[in-house]
Amino acid sequence: MEAYVSDRIFDPQRTTKSLMTDAGDLAPTTGLGDAAIQDDVRVRNPETQERLRELVDVINKVERRF
């Protein structure tokens, strides 16, 4: 979980770095727009945080299988 969290929020930049991808791929995967992933204010939005948390939860569940 630490790979995805910074200052107690799910950080899209850390997430993309950990997954070796970019914001252009992360946004549609989470169902968010590019601005929600790239804008510092919108990243802290509860809905954005919920989507990022859901993504990390899925990754953590699947990661154990591989």
C-alpha atoms as a PDB file:
ATOM      1  CA  MET A   1       0.000   0.000   0.000  1.00  0.00           C
ATOM      2  CA  GLU A   2       2.914   2.350   0.706  1.00  0.00           C
ATOM      3  CA  ALA A   3       3.836   2.314  -2.969  1.00  0.00           C
ATOM      4  CA  TYR A   4       0.550   4.061  -3.772  1.00  0.00           C
ATOM      5  CA  VAL A   5       0.082   6.448  -0.827  1.00  0.00           C
ATOM      6  CA  SER A   6       1.704   9.787  -0.093  1.00  0.00           C
ATOM      7  CA  ASP A   7       0.702  12.090   2.771  1.00  0.00           C
ATOM      8  CA  ARG A   8      -2.214   9.776   3.621  1.00  0.00           C
ATOM      9  CA  ILE A   9      -3.800  10.069   0.173  1.00  0.00           C
ATOM     10  CA  PHE A  10      -3.666   7.771  -2.823  1.00  0.00           C
ATOM     11  CA  ASP A  11      -1.165   9.468  -5.098  1.00  0.00           C
ATOM     12  CA  PRO A  12      -1.702   8.955  -8.842  1.00  0.00           C
ATOM     13  CA  GLN A  13       1.947   9.739  -9.601  1.00  0.00           C
ATOM     14  CA  ARG A  14       3.188   7.056  -7.226  1.00  0.00           C
ATOM     15  CA  THR A  15       0.594   4.653  -8.577  1.00  0.00           C
ATOM     16  CA  THR A  16       1.607   5.179 -12.190  1.00  0.00           C
ATOM     17  CA  LYS A  17       5.279   4.854 -11.276  1.00  0.00           C
ATOM     18  CA  SER A  18       4.642   1.623  -9.379  1.00  0.00           C
ATOM     19  CA  LEU A  19       2.590   0.184 -12.249  1.00  0.00           C
ATOM     20  CA  MET A  20       5.064   1.436 -14.878  1.00  0.00           C
ATOM     21  CA  THR A  21       2.360   3.314 -16.772  1.00  0.00           C
ATOM     22  CA  ASP A  22       1.206   6.922 -17.162  1.00  0.00           C
ATOM     23  CA  ALA A  23      -1.737   9.117 -16.217  1.00  0.00           C
ATOM     24  CA  GLY A  24      -3.222   8.634 -19.670  1.00  0.00           C
ATOM     25  CA  ASP A  25      -3.717   4.950 -18.887  1.00  0.00           C
ATOM     26  CA  LEU A  26      -4.616   5.354 -15.216  1.00  0.00           C
ATOM     27  CA  ALA A  27      -7.479   7.808 -15.748  1.00  0.00           C
ATOM     28  CA  PRO A  28      -9.714   5.638 -17.962  1.00  0.00           C
ATOM     29  CA  THR A  29      -8.856   2.520 -15.964  1.00  0.00           C
ATOM     30  CA  THR A  30     -10.283   4.153 -12.848  1.00  0.00           C
ATOM     31  CA  GLY A  31     -13.165   5.778 -14.720  1.00  0.00           C
ATOM     32  CA  LEU A  32     -11.819   9.262 -14.082  1.00  0.00           C
ATOM     33  CA  GLY A  33     -10.926  12.091 -16.393  1.00  0.00           C
ATOM     34  CA  ASP A  34      -7.352  13.174 -16.999  1.00  0.00           C
ATOM     35  CA  ALA A  35      -7.860  16.341 -14.928  1.00  0.00           C
ATOM     36  CA  ALA A  36      -8.933  14.335 -11.884  1.00  0.00           C
ATOM     37  CA  ILE A  37      -5.638  12.456 -11.977  1.00  0.00           C
ATOM     38  CA  GLN A  38      -3.372  15.389 -12.818  1.00  0.00           C
ATOM     39  CA  ASP A  39      -4.830  18.285 -10.813  1.00  0.00           C
ATOM     40  CA  ASP A  40      -3.551  18.392  -7.209  1.00  0.00           C
ATOM     41  CA  VAL A  41      -6.837  19.753  -5.857  1.00  0.00           C
ATOM     42  CA  ARG A  42      -9.012  17.197  -7.656  1.00  0.00           C
ATOM     43  CA  VAL A  43      -6.761  14.321  -6.587  1.00  0.00           C
ATOM     44  CA  ARG A  44      -7.826  14.988  -2.988  1.00  0.00           C
ATOM     45  CA  ASN A  45     -11.518  14.812  -3.940  1.00  0.00           C
ATOM     46  CA  PRO A  46     -13.229  11.959  -2.025  1.00  0.00           C
ATOM     47  CA  GLU A  47     -14.600  10.420  -5.241  1.00  0.00           C
ATOM     48  CA  THR A  48     -11.156  10.412  -6.860  1.00  0.00           C
ATOM     49  CA  GLN A  49      -9.635   8.896  -3.737  1.00  0.00           C
ATOM     50  CA  GLU A  50     -12.323   6.211  -3.672  1.00  0.00           C
ATOM     51  CA  ARG A  51     -11.624   5.226  -7.294  1.00  0.00           C
ATOM     52  CA  LEU A  52      -7.878   5.088  -6.679  1.00  0.00           C
ATOM     53  CA  ARG A  53      -8.427   3.036  -3.534  1.00  0.00           C
ATOM     54  CA  GLU A  54     -10.612   0.572  -5.441  1.00  0.00           C
ATOM     55  CA  LEU A  55      -7.880   0.191  -8.069  1.00  0.00           C
ATOM     56  CA  VAL A  56      -5.239  -0.459  -5.415  1.00  0.00           C
ATOM     57  CA  ASP A  57      -7.513  -2.984  -3.676  1.00  0.00           C
ATOM     58  CA  VAL A  58      -7.908  -4.926  -6.930  1.00  0.00           C
ATOM     59  CA  ILE A  59      -4.180  -4.810  -7.604  1.00  0.00           C
ATOM     60  CA  ASN A  60      -3.416  -6.079  -4.110  1.00  0.00           C
ATOM     61  CA  LYS A  61      -5.845  -8.993  -4.538  1.00  0.00           C
ATOM     62  CA  VAL A  62      -4.526  -9.969  -7.948  1.00  0.00           C
ATOM     63  CA  GLU A  63      -0.868  -9.432  -7.146  1.00  0.00           C
ATOM     64  CA  ARG A  64      -0.855 -12.309  -4.656  1.00  0.00           C
ATOM     65  CA  ARG A  65      -1.787 -14.743  -7.415  1.00  0.00           C
ATOM     66  CA  PHE A  66       1.212 -13.944  -9.573  1.00  0.00           C
END
